[in-house]
Amino acid sequence: MKLYNYFRSSASFRVRIALALKGLDYEYLPVHLARNEHLAPEYAARSRDGLVPLLETDTGLRLSQSMAIIEYLDETHPRPALLPADAAGRAQVRALAQSIACEIHPLNNLRVLRYLVRDLKLDEDAKNRWYRHWVREGLLAFERQLAARPADGQGAFCWGDAPTLADCCLVPQIFNAQRFDCDLSGLPLTLAVHERCMALPAFQRAQPSACPDAEA
């Protein structure tokens, strides 16, 4: 498999975590978002939405959107499972994952931040306030969801005692929050899960600083 991704992209980070948890080998192909490499014609010919990550399988299948990619990997390589066996558990994990991937991330990804500066003429301080506000609001909601888990969902990770799709989403969001100096107070459950995840080799291998295109 080939993974087109950017080391700082939290969506790419999610997929790298899933691949590492499942022990799957892949070719790492960097696409530098800050240098607009995702807009180049050769990449646009592969990725119709011009985004990362993009997974290309050995059969030529091309998949975009990190959540779809991870669920594809979970269905085609089911061990270890990233979603619970029961329907209710799967829905709960998807809700946790989507509270990050659908509620927090879209408001603070690179193209949104660029629009705030370039088109709406926000200065750096205002842009960062926007970022920190929405990350803070989203993570507080995530903390409330963790606190409300039923007994069968409580454990060391977002859901139970093994990493799931939700953990694949949480860790990159915390990395970005730390990078932008967001207020992470009052999130004991969330930060404890993050710490347990980062103690695992799969999460360490997938982190941005471990990527071949990593920059300071």
C-alpha atoms as a PDB file:
ATOM      1  CA  MET A   1       0.000   0.000   0.000  1.00  0.00           C
ATOM      2  CA  LYS A   2       0.959   3.625  -0.520  1.00  0.00           C
ATOM      3  CA  LEU A   3      -0.011   6.431   1.844  1.00  0.00           C
ATOM      4  CA  TYR A   4       0.128   9.984   0.544  1.00  0.00           C
ATOM      5  CA  ASN A   5       0.229  12.179   3.604  1.00  0.00           C
ATOM      6  CA  TYR A   6       1.728  15.154   5.411  1.00  0.00           C
ATOM      7  CA  PHE A   7       3.488  14.714   8.733  1.00  0.00           C
ATOM      8  CA  ARG A   8       1.522  17.513  10.458  1.00  0.00           C
ATOM      9  CA  SER A   9      -1.861  16.527   9.054  1.00  0.00           C
ATOM     10  CA  SER A  10      -3.967  15.156  11.896  1.00  0.00           C
ATOM     11  CA  ALA A  11      -6.098  13.216   9.395  1.00  0.00           C
ATOM     12  CA  SER A  12      -2.945  11.567   8.034  1.00  0.00           C
ATOM     13  CA  PHE A  13      -1.770  10.917  11.589  1.00  0.00           C
ATOM     14  CA  ARG A  14      -5.014   9.016  12.282  1.00  0.00           C
ATOM     15  CA  VAL A  15      -4.383   6.665   9.397  1.00  0.00           C
ATOM     16  CA  ARG A  16      -0.733   6.157  10.323  1.00  0.00           C
ATOM     17  CA  ILE A  17      -1.856   5.122  13.816  1.00  0.00           C
ATOM     18  CA  ALA A  18      -4.356   2.627  12.405  1.00  0.00           C
ATOM     19  CA  LEU A  19      -1.747   1.142  10.071  1.00  0.00           C
ATOM     20  CA  ALA A  20       0.738   0.860  12.923  1.00  0.00           C
ATOM     21  CA  LEU A  21      -1.781  -0.731  15.286  1.00  0.00           C
ATOM     22  CA  LYS A  22      -2.540  -3.345  12.654  1.00  0.00           C
ATOM     23  CA  GLY A  23       1.125  -3.881  11.814  1.00  0.00           C
ATOM     24  CA  LEU A  24       0.617  -3.087   8.138  1.00  0.00           C
ATOM     25  CA  ASP A  25       3.526  -2.060   5.931  1.00  0.00           C
ATOM     26  CA  TYR A  26       3.112   0.818   3.495  1.00  0.00           C
ATOM     27  CA  GLU A  27       5.117   3.216   1.374  1.00  0.00           C
ATOM     28  CA  TYR A  28       5.191   6.696   2.897  1.00  0.00           C
ATOM     29  CA  LEU A  29       4.732   9.374   0.212  1.00  0.00           C
ATOM     30  CA  PRO A  30       4.888  12.958   1.538  1.00  0.00           C
ATOM     31  CA  VAL A  31       2.631  15.695   0.186  1.00  0.00           C
ATOM     32  CA  HIS A  32       3.651  19.041   1.694  1.00  0.00           C
ATOM     33  CA  LEU A  33       0.463  20.986   2.380  1.00  0.00           C
ATOM     34  CA  ALA A  34       2.209  24.204   3.429  1.00  0.00           C
ATOM     35  CA  ARG A  35       3.967  24.257   0.047  1.00  0.00           C
ATOM     36  CA  ASN A  36       0.696  23.529  -1.790  1.00  0.00           C
ATOM     37  CA  GLU A  37       1.923  20.210  -3.178  1.00  0.00           C
ATOM     38  CA  HIS A  38      -1.632  18.884  -2.795  1.00  0.00           C
ATOM     39  CA  LEU A  39      -2.700  21.359  -5.507  1.00  0.00           C
ATOM     40  CA  ALA A  40      -0.178  20.107  -8.074  1.00  0.00           C
ATOM     41  CA  PRO A  41      -1.741  18.521 -11.193  1.00  0.00           C
ATOM     42  CA  GLU A  42      -0.013  15.178 -10.658  1.00  0.00           C
ATOM     43  CA  TYR A  43      -1.489  14.844  -7.187  1.00  0.00           C
ATOM     44  CA  ALA A  44      -4.884  16.190  -8.230  1.00  0.00           C
ATOM     45  CA  ALA A  45      -5.008  13.385 -10.802  1.00  0.00           C
ATOM     46  CA  ARG A  46      -4.843  10.908  -7.922  1.00  0.00           C
ATOM     47  CA  SER A  47      -6.884  12.710  -5.255  1.00  0.00           C
ATOM     48  CA  ARG A  48     -10.112  14.244  -6.540  1.00  0.00           C
ATOM     49  CA  ASP A  49     -10.625  16.291  -3.372  1.00  0.00           C
ATOM     50  CA  GLY A  50      -6.980  17.401  -3.345  1.00  0.00           C
ATOM     51  CA  LEU A  51      -6.554  16.437   0.290  1.00  0.00           C
ATOM     52  CA  VAL A  52      -4.468  14.108   2.397  1.00  0.00           C
ATOM     53  CA  PRO A  53      -4.418  11.343   3.356  1.00  0.00           C
ATOM     54  CA  LEU A  54      -4.854   9.208   0.270  1.00  0.00           C
ATOM     55  CA  LEU A  55      -4.419   5.449   0.518  1.00  0.00           C
ATOM     56  CA  GLU A  56      -3.603   3.496  -2.618  1.00  0.00           C
ATOM     57  CA  THR A  57      -3.840  -0.280  -2.340  1.00  0.00           C
ATOM     58  CA  ASP A  58      -1.898  -2.873  -4.300  1.00  0.00           C
ATOM     59  CA  THR A  59      -5.007  -3.416  -6.439  1.00  0.00           C
ATOM     60  CA  GLY A  60      -5.047   0.230  -7.493  1.00  0.00           C
ATOM     61  CA  LEU A  61      -7.943   1.243  -5.238  1.00  0.00           C
ATOM     62  CA  ARG A  62      -7.635   4.850  -4.093  1.00  0.00           C
ATOM     63  CA  LEU A  63      -9.351   5.968  -0.918  1.00  0.00           C
ATOM     64  CA  SER A  64      -9.566   9.451   0.566  1.00  0.00           C
ATOM     65  CA  GLN A  65     -10.981  10.670   3.903  1.00  0.00           C
ATOM     66  CA  SER A  66      -9.274   9.284   6.972  1.00  0.00           C
ATOM     67  CA  MET A  67     -12.382   7.850   8.616  1.00  0.00           C
ATOM     68  CA  ALA A  68     -13.322   5.883   5.508  1.00  0.00           C
ATOM     69  CA  ILE A  69      -9.733   4.669   5.136  1.00  0.00           C
ATOM     70  CA  ILE A  70      -9.549   3.450   8.735  1.00  0.00           C
ATOM     71  CA  GLU A  71     -12.865   1.619   8.515  1.00  0.00           C
ATOM     72  CA  TYR A  72     -11.701   0.018   5.246  1.00  0.00           C
ATOM     73  CA  LEU A  73      -8.525  -1.150   6.969  1.00  0.00           C
ATOM     74  CA  ASP A  74     -10.577  -2.481   9.868  1.00  0.00           C
ATOM     75  CA  GLU A  75     -12.795  -4.486   7.539  1.00  0.00           C
ATOM     76  CA  THR A  76      -9.987  -5.866   5.394  1.00  0.00           C
ATOM     77  CA  HIS A  77      -7.544  -6.465   8.269  1.00  0.00           C
ATOM     78  CA  PRO A  78      -9.851  -7.153  11.222  1.00  0.00           C
ATOM     79  CA  ARG A  79      -7.232  -7.857  13.897  1.00  0.00           C
ATOM     80  CA  PRO A  80      -6.797  -5.982  16.117  1.00  0.00           C
ATOM     81  CA  ALA A  81     -10.275  -4.545  15.756  1.00  0.00           C
ATOM     82  CA  LEU A  82     -10.662  -0.772  15.942  1.00  0.00           C
ATOM     83  CA  LEU A  83     -14.433  -0.958  16.426  1.00  0.00           C
ATOM     84  CA  PRO A  84     -16.328  -3.020  19.017  1.00  0.00           C
ATOM     85  CA  ALA A  85     -18.137  -6.205  18.056  1.00  0.00           C
ATOM     86  CA  ASP A  86     -21.591  -4.945  19.109  1.00  0.00           C
ATOM     87  CA  ALA A  87     -23.661  -2.374  17.256  1.00  0.00           C
ATOM     88  CA  ALA A  88     -24.140  -0.118  20.277  1.00  0.00           C
ATOM     89  CA  GLY A  89     -20.408  -0.094  21.018  1.00  0.00           C
ATOM     90  CA  ARG A  90     -19.558   0.683  17.395  1.00  0.00           C
ATOM     91  CA  ALA A  91     -21.988   3.608  17.414  1.00  0.00           C
ATOM     92  CA  GLN A  92     -20.482   4.955  20.646  1.00  0.00           C
ATOM     93  CA  VAL A  93     -16.934   4.748  19.307  1.00  0.00           C
ATOM     94  CA  ARG A  94     -17.934   6.376  16.028  1.00  0.00           C
ATOM     95  CA  ALA A  95     -19.621   9.177  17.978  1.00  0.00           C
ATOM     96  CA  LEU A  96     -16.439   9.817  19.966  1.00  0.00           C
ATOM     97  CA  ALA A  97     -14.317   9.739  16.811  1.00  0.00           C
ATOM     98  CA  GLN A  98     -16.659  11.997  14.869  1.00  0.00           C
ATOM     99  CA  SER A  99     -16.834  14.537  17.682  1.00  0.00           C
ATOM    100  CA  ILE A 100     -13.193  15.208  16.807  1.00  0.00           C
ATOM    101  CA  ALA A 101     -13.107  14.473  13.082  1.00  0.00           C
ATOM    102  CA  CYS A 102     -16.389  16.257  12.277  1.00  0.00           C
ATOM    103  CA  GLU A 103     -16.746  18.887  15.003  1.00  0.00           C
ATOM    104  CA  ILE A 104     -13.245  20.074  15.970  1.00  0.00           C
ATOM    105  CA  HIS A 105     -10.946  19.329  13.043  1.00  0.00           C
ATOM    106  CA  PRO A 106     -12.884  21.010  10.192  1.00  0.00           C
ATOM    107  CA  LEU A 107     -12.794  24.349  12.030  1.00  0.00           C
ATOM    108  CA  ASN A 108      -9.040  24.422  12.516  1.00  0.00           C
ATOM    109  CA  ASN A 109      -7.410  22.710   9.572  1.00  0.00           C
ATOM    110  CA  LEU A 110      -4.882  24.512   7.397  1.00  0.00           C
ATOM    111  CA  ARG A 111      -7.187  25.701   4.620  1.00  0.00           C
ATOM    112  CA  VAL A 112      -9.621  27.229   7.143  1.00  0.00           C
ATOM    113  CA  LEU A 113      -6.810  29.019   8.969  1.00  0.00           C
ATOM    114  CA  ARG A 114      -5.473  30.311   5.653  1.00  0.00           C
ATOM    115  CA  TYR A 115      -8.919  31.638   4.733  1.00  0.00           C
ATOM    116  CA  LEU A 116      -9.202  33.457   8.045  1.00  0.00           C
ATOM    117  CA  VAL A 117      -5.925  35.250   7.373  1.00  0.00           C
ATOM    118  CA  ARG A 118      -5.985  35.721   3.621  1.00  0.00           C
ATOM    119  CA  ASP A 119      -9.648  36.466   2.966  1.00  0.00           C
ATOM    120  CA  LEU A 120     -11.067  37.646   6.283  1.00  0.00           C
ATOM    121  CA  LYS A 121      -7.878  39.567   7.156  1.00  0.00           C
ATOM    122  CA  LEU A 122      -7.521  38.224  10.691  1.00  0.00           C
ATOM    123  CA  ASP A 123      -4.128  38.785  12.247  1.00  0.00           C
ATOM    124  CA  GLU A 124      -2.072  35.978  13.798  1.00  0.00           C
ATOM    125  CA  ASP A 125      -3.416  36.564  17.289  1.00  0.00           C
ATOM    126  CA  ALA A 126      -7.054  36.493  16.161  1.00  0.00           C
ATOM    127  CA  LYS A 127      -6.447  33.362  14.090  1.00  0.00           C
ATOM    128  CA  ASN A 128      -4.916  31.591  17.080  1.00  0.00           C
ATOM    129  CA  ARG A 129      -7.788  32.688  19.309  1.00  0.00           C
ATOM    130  CA  TRP A 130     -10.203  31.095  16.813  1.00  0.00           C
ATOM    131  CA  TYR A 131      -8.176  27.897  16.834  1.00  0.00           C
ATOM    132  CA  ARG A 132      -7.896  27.663  20.605  1.00  0.00           C
ATOM    133  CA  HIS A 133     -11.563  28.484  21.179  1.00  0.00           C
ATOM    134  CA  TRP A 134     -12.907  25.686  18.996  1.00  0.00           C
ATOM    135  CA  VAL A 135     -10.373  23.126  20.190  1.00  0.00           C
ATOM    136  CA  ARG A 136     -11.200  23.959  23.792  1.00  0.00           C
ATOM    137  CA  GLU A 137     -14.957  23.753  23.215  1.00  0.00           C
ATOM    138  CA  GLY A 138     -14.635  20.463  21.356  1.00  0.00           C
ATOM    139  CA  LEU A 139     -12.355  18.789  23.873  1.00  0.00           C
ATOM    140  CA  LEU A 140     -14.583  19.806  26.776  1.00  0.00           C
ATOM    141  CA  ALA A 141     -17.461  18.097  24.976  1.00  0.00           C
ATOM    142  CA  PHE A 142     -15.254  15.066  24.403  1.00  0.00           C
ATOM    143  CA  GLU A 143     -14.402  14.950  28.113  1.00  0.00           C
ATOM    144  CA  ARG A 144     -18.108  14.959  28.958  1.00  0.00           C
ATOM    145  CA  GLN A 145     -18.658  12.057  26.575  1.00  0.00           C
ATOM    146  CA  LEU A 146     -15.880  10.053  28.205  1.00  0.00           C
ATOM    147  CA  ALA A 147     -17.348  10.753  31.635  1.00  0.00           C
ATOM    148  CA  ALA A 148     -20.759   9.489  30.474  1.00  0.00           C
ATOM    149  CA  ARG A 149     -19.544   6.157  29.073  1.00  0.00           C
ATOM    150  CA  PRO A 150     -21.540   3.129  30.194  1.00  0.00           C
ATOM    151  CA  ALA A 151     -19.792   0.483  32.267  1.00  0.00           C
ATOM    152  CA  ASP A 152     -18.932  -1.672  29.245  1.00  0.00           C
ATOM    153  CA  GLY A 153     -17.149   1.255  27.598  1.00  0.00           C
ATOM    154  CA  GLN A 154     -15.051   2.351  30.533  1.00  0.00           C
ATOM    155  CA  GLY A 155     -11.385   1.372  30.522  1.00  0.00           C
ATOM    156  CA  ALA A 156      -7.872   2.553  29.803  1.00  0.00           C
ATOM    157  CA  PHE A 157      -8.701   4.013  26.378  1.00  0.00           C
ATOM    158  CA  CYS A 158     -11.532   5.968  24.816  1.00  0.00           C
ATOM    159  CA  TRP A 159     -13.658   2.834  24.795  1.00  0.00           C
ATOM    160  CA  GLY A 160     -12.589  -0.178  26.786  1.00  0.00           C
ATOM    161  CA  ASP A 161      -9.088  -1.488  27.314  1.00  0.00           C
ATOM    162  CA  ALA A 162      -7.740  -1.397  23.749  1.00  0.00           C
ATOM    163  CA  PRO A 163      -7.298   1.461  21.259  1.00  0.00           C
ATOM    164  CA  THR A 164     -10.154   2.095  18.866  1.00  0.00           C
ATOM    165  CA  LEU A 165     -11.040   4.456  16.045  1.00  0.00           C
ATOM    166  CA  ALA A 166     -11.722   7.091  18.713  1.00  0.00           C
ATOM    167  CA  ASP A 167      -8.136   6.914  20.024  1.00  0.00           C
ATOM    168  CA  CYS A 168      -6.819   7.207  16.457  1.00  0.00           C
ATOM    169  CA  CYS A 169      -8.658  10.550  16.273  1.00  0.00           C
ATOM    170  CA  LEU A 170      -7.963  11.825  19.769  1.00  0.00           C
ATOM    171  CA  VAL A 171      -4.165  11.607  19.788  1.00  0.00           C
ATOM    172  CA  PRO A 172      -3.578  13.782  16.680  1.00  0.00           C
ATOM    173  CA  GLN A 173      -6.003  16.384  18.010  1.00  0.00           C
ATOM    174  CA  ILE A 174      -4.109  16.605  21.304  1.00  0.00           C
ATOM    175  CA  PHE A 175      -0.820  16.939  19.397  1.00  0.00           C
ATOM    176  CA  ASN A 176      -2.245  19.881  17.449  1.00  0.00           C
ATOM    177  CA  ALA A 177      -3.722  21.432  20.583  1.00  0.00           C
ATOM    178  CA  GLN A 178      -0.335  21.298  22.288  1.00  0.00           C
ATOM    179  CA  ARG A 179       1.352  22.774  19.225  1.00  0.00           C
ATOM    180  CA  PHE A 180      -1.008  25.774  19.309  1.00  0.00           C
ATOM    181  CA  ASP A 181      -0.740  26.147  23.088  1.00  0.00           C
ATOM    182  CA  CYS A 182      -4.416  25.444  23.725  1.00  0.00           C
ATOM    183  CA  ASP A 183      -5.821  25.360  27.241  1.00  0.00           C
ATOM    184  CA  LEU A 184      -6.014  21.677  28.193  1.00  0.00           C
ATOM    185  CA  SER A 185      -7.007  22.150  31.820  1.00  0.00           C
ATOM    186  CA  GLY A 186     -10.053  20.315  33.147  1.00  0.00           C
ATOM    187  CA  LEU A 187      -9.599  17.316  30.807  1.00  0.00           C
ATOM    188  CA  PRO A 188      -8.371  14.559  33.144  1.00  0.00           C
ATOM    189  CA  LEU A 189     -10.001  11.629  31.346  1.00  0.00           C
ATOM    190  CA  THR A 190      -9.002  12.838  27.890  1.00  0.00           C
ATOM    191  CA  LEU A 191      -5.377  13.494  28.795  1.00  0.00           C
ATOM    192  CA  ALA A 192      -5.078  10.194  30.667  1.00  0.00           C
ATOM    193  CA  VAL A 193      -6.201   8.335  27.543  1.00  0.00           C
ATOM    194  CA  HIS A 194      -3.737  10.314  25.452  1.00  0.00           C
ATOM    195  CA  GLU A 195      -0.906   9.421  27.820  1.00  0.00           C
ATOM    196  CA  ARG A 196      -1.751   5.715  27.715  1.00  0.00           C
ATOM    197  CA  CYS A 197      -1.909   5.787  23.919  1.00  0.00           C
ATOM    198  CA  MET A 198       1.478   7.459  23.630  1.00  0.00           C
ATOM    199  CA  ALA A 199       3.019   4.726  25.788  1.00  0.00           C
ATOM    200  CA  LEU A 200       2.265   2.251  22.982  1.00  0.00           C
ATOM    201  CA  PRO A 201       4.871   1.698  20.222  1.00  0.00           C
ATOM    202  CA  ALA A 202       2.270   2.033  17.442  1.00  0.00           C
ATOM    203  CA  PHE A 203       1.375   5.585  18.478  1.00  0.00           C
ATOM    204  CA  GLN A 204       5.033   6.507  18.903  1.00  0.00           C
ATOM    205  CA  ARG A 205       5.906   5.230  15.413  1.00  0.00           C
ATOM    206  CA  ALA A 206       3.033   7.180  13.856  1.00  0.00           C
ATOM    207  CA  GLN A 207       3.702  10.543  15.493  1.00  0.00           C
ATOM    208  CA  PRO A 208       4.803  13.505  13.345  1.00  0.00           C
ATOM    209  CA  SER A 209       8.390  13.645  14.638  1.00  0.00           C
ATOM    210  CA  ALA A 210       8.903  10.049  13.491  1.00  0.00           C
ATOM    211  CA  CYS A 211       7.878  10.788   9.881  1.00  0.00           C
ATOM    212  CA  PRO A 212      10.480  11.002   7.116  1.00  0.00           C
ATOM    213  CA  ASP A 213       9.250  14.474   6.113  1.00  0.00           C
ATOM    214  CA  ALA A 214       9.194  15.807   9.669  1.00  0.00           C
ATOM    215  CA  GLU A 215      10.295  19.392  10.239  1.00  0.00           C
ATOM    216  CA  ALA A 216      11.047  21.244  13.456  1.00  0.00           C
END
